[in-house]
Amino acid sequence: MTTATTTVVGAPEPAERGDAPRSLAKSGDPADRIFRGSARGAGATVLLVMTLVGVFLGGRALQALTDAGPDFLTTSAWEPDSHHFGIATVLTGTVLIGAVAIVFAVPLAAGTALYITEYAPRRLKQTLISLVDLMAAVPSVVYGLWGLFLFQPSVVGLSRWLTTYFGWFPLFAVDGDSPRDPLSPNTFYTSSTFIAGMVVALMVTPIACSVMREAFAQAPPGEREGAFALGATQWG
């Protein structure tokens, strides 16, 4: 009894067990070598500059930190001549501004990203993506100047309204001001944590929206269509 063997013409022969993997030779093109060296040099330069900046700032601040000790984080007074200073006030303001920014930025960024990914028409989608990426590239100093000269005067009325009707809640209370007094100056509301937090929210919203949109777009189409077939909604 004989066994017939079928040979496929043009099929690759199986590799022997002792064969080593083929090594890929690096490109010897001068342009590739120049680009590789330039990229490595630029990366090393950035790391070196950042390291030097950190060393310089650490050396300059070492004497002050040693003099203040742990109270540097808990002291609100700033009296360097009497060796009594700290960043408690600045640290508290930073945390509060960040909290206000998160409250405004996260829902706005998530809603915008969901609209662009799931609901926006195809012709409008690319335009919205370009606008969001363009806003993310705007320098922060531009947002700061815009908030100081244009946004702040428009929000003072809202701040006064929140203090008038929700001042019983500590978050909306303004110390030293009588919101129901028509002669009360607006200096209590200008340059406030609320306004600064809203400006920071507008600053970080485009970046957060871009990241969320990329994450939403990574959902495999096959699994999305399978979920729709099983009765899932577009929001789900």
Protein backbone atom coordinates (compact mmCIF):
# COMPACT_ATOMS: atom_id res chain seq x y z
CA MET A 1 0.00 0.00 0.00
CA THR A 2 1.48 3.31 -1.03
CA THR A 3 0.80 6.80 0.39
CA ALA A 4 0.39 9.67 -2.04
CA THR A 5 2.17 12.90 -1.24
CA THR A 6 0.80 16.16 -2.56
CA THR A 7 3.21 19.00 -3.17
CA VAL A 8 1.96 22.55 -3.59
CA VAL A 9 3.88 24.37 -6.25
CA GLY A 10 5.37 27.64 -4.99
CA ALA A 11 4.66 26.94 -1.28
CA PRO A 12 7.52 27.90 1.06
CA GLU A 13 9.47 25.05 2.57
CA PRO A 14 9.15 24.66 6.36
CA ALA A 15 12.07 26.09 8.27
CA GLU A 16 14.44 23.64 9.87
CA ARG A 17 14.56 23.45 13.64
CA GLY A 18 18.13 24.66 13.79
CA ASP A 19 17.58 27.80 11.72
CA ALA A 20 18.18 31.08 13.58
CA PRO A 21 15.87 34.08 13.07
CA ARG A 22 16.97 36.36 10.32
CA SER A 23 18.52 39.57 11.60
CA LEU A 24 17.52 42.87 10.06
CA ALA A 25 20.39 45.08 9.07
CA LYS A 26 20.21 48.76 9.98
CA SER A 27 19.79 51.21 7.19
CA GLY A 28 23.06 52.73 6.04
CA ASP A 29 21.43 55.71 4.42
CA PRO A 30 23.21 58.92 5.54
CA ALA A 31 19.87 60.74 5.83
CA ASP A 32 18.60 58.11 8.28
CA ARG A 33 21.75 58.37 10.37
CA ILE A 34 21.51 62.16 10.47
CA PHE A 35 17.85 62.07 11.48
CA ARG A 36 18.52 59.43 14.15
CA GLY A 37 21.38 61.44 15.60
CA SER A 38 19.38 64.67 15.53
CA ALA A 39 16.42 63.05 17.31
CA ARG A 40 18.64 61.54 19.99
CA GLY A 41 20.51 64.80 20.45
CA ALA A 42 17.28 66.79 20.79
CA GLY A 43 15.88 64.35 23.34
CA ALA A 44 19.10 64.32 25.36
CA THR A 45 19.25 68.14 25.28
CA VAL A 46 15.70 68.45 26.62
CA LEU A 47 16.41 66.01 29.45
CA LEU A 48 19.66 67.78 30.29
CA VAL A 49 18.02 71.22 30.38
CA MET A 50 15.18 69.99 32.59
CA THR A 51 17.67 68.32 34.94
CA LEU A 52 19.74 71.50 35.21
CA VAL A 53 16.61 73.58 35.89
CA GLY A 54 15.56 71.18 38.65
CA VAL A 55 19.03 71.22 40.21
CA PHE A 56 19.17 75.02 40.08
CA LEU A 57 15.74 75.49 41.65
CA GLY A 58 16.43 72.85 44.27
CA GLY A 59 19.74 74.46 45.22
CA ARG A 60 18.18 77.91 45.46
CA ALA A 61 15.25 76.66 47.54
CA LEU A 62 17.27 74.38 49.83
CA GLN A 63 18.21 77.14 52.26
CA ALA A 64 14.64 78.41 52.54
CA LEU A 65 13.19 74.91 52.96
CA THR A 66 15.78 74.07 55.60
CA ASP A 67 15.01 77.28 57.49
CA ALA A 68 11.20 76.86 57.33
CA GLY A 69 11.10 73.13 57.91
CA PRO A 70 7.80 71.21 57.77
CA ASP A 71 5.88 74.39 58.61
CA PHE A 72 6.51 75.53 55.03
CA LEU A 73 3.41 73.59 53.96
CA THR A 74 1.17 74.63 56.86
CA THR A 75 2.03 78.32 57.41
CA SER A 76 -0.07 80.92 55.59
CA ALA A 77 1.98 83.98 56.56
CA TRP A 78 4.71 85.27 54.24
CA GLU A 79 7.31 87.09 56.33
CA PRO A 80 10.74 86.03 55.04
CA ASP A 81 12.57 88.70 57.08
CA SER A 82 11.33 87.15 60.33
CA HIS A 83 11.85 83.56 59.06
CA HIS A 84 8.11 82.94 59.23
CA PHE A 85 6.73 81.99 55.83
CA GLY A 86 4.85 79.21 54.08
CA ILE A 87 2.68 78.32 51.09
CA ALA A 88 -0.45 77.11 52.84
CA THR A 89 -2.58 79.88 51.31
CA VAL A 90 -1.19 79.38 47.82
CA LEU A 91 -1.55 75.61 48.11
CA THR A 92 -5.16 75.88 49.25
CA GLY A 93 -6.02 78.26 46.41
CA THR A 94 -4.41 75.94 43.88
CA VAL A 95 -6.44 72.96 45.11
CA LEU A 96 -9.68 74.95 45.07
CA ILE A 97 -9.05 76.30 41.56
CA GLY A 98 -8.28 72.78 40.35
CA ALA A 99 -11.48 71.44 41.93
CA VAL A 100 -13.61 74.14 40.27
CA ALA A 101 -11.89 73.45 36.93
CA ILE A 102 -12.59 69.73 37.18
CA VAL A 103 -16.27 70.31 37.99
CA PHE A 104 -16.70 72.37 34.82
CA ALA A 105 -14.21 70.66 32.49
CA VAL A 106 -15.00 66.96 32.90
CA PRO A 107 -18.72 67.04 31.94
CA LEU A 108 -18.07 69.50 29.10
CA ALA A 109 -15.15 67.50 27.70
CA ALA A 110 -16.95 64.15 28.00
CA GLY A 111 -20.10 65.48 26.35
CA THR A 112 -18.18 67.06 23.49
CA ALA A 113 -16.13 63.92 22.94
CA LEU A 114 -19.25 61.75 22.90
CA TYR A 115 -20.97 64.06 20.41
CA ILE A 116 -17.98 64.09 18.07
CA THR A 117 -17.54 60.33 18.26
CA GLU A 118 -21.13 59.12 18.21
CA TYR A 119 -23.52 61.78 16.95
CA ALA A 120 -21.74 64.38 14.81
CA PRO A 121 -22.32 64.12 11.03
CA ARG A 122 -19.34 62.91 9.04
CA ARG A 123 -18.87 66.28 7.31
CA LEU A 124 -18.91 68.14 10.63
CA LYS A 125 -16.81 65.66 12.60
CA GLN A 126 -13.44 66.52 11.08
CA THR A 127 -14.12 70.24 11.49
CA LEU A 128 -14.90 69.79 15.19
CA ILE A 129 -11.80 67.65 15.69
CA SER A 130 -9.64 70.33 14.09
CA LEU A 131 -11.21 73.05 16.26
CA VAL A 132 -10.65 71.07 19.47
CA ASP A 133 -7.03 70.34 18.56
CA LEU A 134 -6.51 74.02 17.68
CA MET A 135 -7.90 75.14 21.04
CA ALA A 136 -5.64 72.66 22.82
CA ALA A 137 -2.62 74.26 21.15
CA VAL A 138 -3.44 77.80 22.36
CA PRO A 139 -0.88 78.95 25.00
CA SER A 140 -2.15 79.23 28.56
CA VAL A 141 -1.15 82.91 28.79
CA VAL A 142 -3.72 83.69 26.06
CA TYR A 143 -6.46 82.06 28.15
CA GLY A 144 -5.28 84.03 31.19
CA LEU A 145 -5.42 87.38 29.40
CA TRP A 146 -8.79 86.51 27.88
CA GLY A 147 -10.17 85.59 31.29
CA LEU A 148 -8.81 88.77 32.89
CA PHE A 149 -10.05 91.31 30.36
CA LEU A 150 -13.09 89.69 28.71
CA PHE A 151 -14.41 86.78 30.76
CA GLN A 152 -14.11 88.20 34.27
CA PRO A 153 -16.50 91.19 33.83
CA SER A 154 -19.17 88.87 32.41
CA VAL A 155 -19.03 86.40 35.31
CA VAL A 156 -19.14 88.91 38.18
CA GLY A 157 -22.95 89.00 37.96
CA LEU A 158 -23.15 85.21 38.19
CA SER A 159 -20.79 85.18 41.17
CA ARG A 160 -22.91 87.78 42.98
CA TRP A 161 -26.09 85.83 42.20
CA LEU A 162 -24.62 82.60 43.60
CA THR A 163 -23.50 84.39 46.75
CA THR A 164 -26.88 86.06 47.20
CA TYR A 165 -29.03 82.93 46.96
CA PHE A 166 -26.58 80.14 47.87
CA GLY A 167 -24.33 81.95 50.32
CA TRP A 168 -25.55 79.65 53.10
CA PHE A 169 -23.37 76.97 51.48
CA PRO A 170 -19.69 77.52 52.41
CA LEU A 171 -18.53 76.96 48.85
CA PHE A 172 -20.47 80.00 47.58
CA ALA A 173 -19.98 82.26 50.59
CA VAL A 174 -17.86 85.43 50.22
CA ASP A 175 -16.44 86.76 53.47
CA GLY A 176 -16.80 90.51 54.12
CA ASP A 177 -19.37 91.21 51.41
CA SER A 178 -23.08 92.00 51.56
CA PRO A 179 -24.46 90.66 48.25
CA ARG A 180 -27.88 92.26 48.79
CA ASP A 181 -26.34 95.71 49.18
CA PRO A 182 -26.52 97.47 45.77
CA LEU A 183 -23.56 99.68 46.73
CA SER A 184 -21.30 96.73 47.48
CA PRO A 185 -18.20 96.88 45.25
CA ASN A 186 -17.29 94.16 42.78
CA THR A 187 -13.76 93.81 44.16
CA PHE A 188 -14.92 90.87 46.26
CA TYR A 189 -15.77 88.92 43.12
CA THR A 190 -13.04 89.90 40.67
CA SER A 191 -9.97 87.66 40.49
CA SER A 192 -11.79 85.06 42.56
CA THR A 193 -11.26 81.33 42.81
CA PHE A 194 -14.51 80.73 40.95
CA ILE A 195 -13.49 82.83 37.94
CA ALA A 196 -9.95 81.44 37.91
CA GLY A 197 -11.31 77.89 38.05
CA MET A 198 -13.60 78.54 35.09
CA VAL A 199 -10.70 79.94 33.06
CA VAL A 200 -8.58 76.90 33.91
CA ALA A 201 -11.53 74.67 32.96
CA LEU A 202 -11.70 76.27 29.52
CA MET A 203 -7.95 75.79 29.25
CA VAL A 204 -7.94 72.05 30.01
CA THR A 205 -11.24 71.12 28.34
CA PRO A 206 -9.82 70.84 24.78
CA ILE A 207 -6.98 68.58 25.94
CA ALA A 208 -9.32 66.38 27.98
CA CYS A 209 -11.80 66.26 25.10
CA SER A 210 -9.09 65.19 22.66
CA VAL A 211 -7.93 62.37 24.95
CA MET A 212 -11.49 61.17 25.61
CA ARG A 213 -12.34 61.26 21.92
CA GLU A 214 -9.34 59.11 21.08
CA ALA A 215 -10.34 56.65 23.81
CA PHE A 216 -13.95 56.45 22.58
CA ALA A 217 -12.80 55.97 18.99
CA GLN A 218 -10.73 52.92 19.95
CA ALA A 219 -13.83 50.78 20.46
CA PRO A 220 -13.69 48.00 17.81
CA PRO A 221 -16.45 48.38 15.16
CA GLY A 222 -17.28 44.70 15.32
CA GLU A 223 -17.98 44.77 19.03
CA ARG A 224 -20.00 47.97 18.65
CA GLU A 225 -22.18 46.43 15.94
CA GLY A 226 -22.57 43.27 18.02
CA ALA A 227 -23.72 45.35 20.99
CA PHE A 228 -26.27 47.14 18.79
CA ALA A 229 -27.52 43.76 17.53
CA LEU A 230 -28.07 42.63 21.13
CA GLY A 231 -30.18 45.70 21.87
CA ALA A 232 -27.63 48.18 23.25
CA THR A 233 -28.31 51.87 22.83
CA GLN A 234 -25.93 54.34 21.24
CA TRP A 235 -25.35 56.01 24.61
CA GLY A 236 -24.50 52.63 26.19
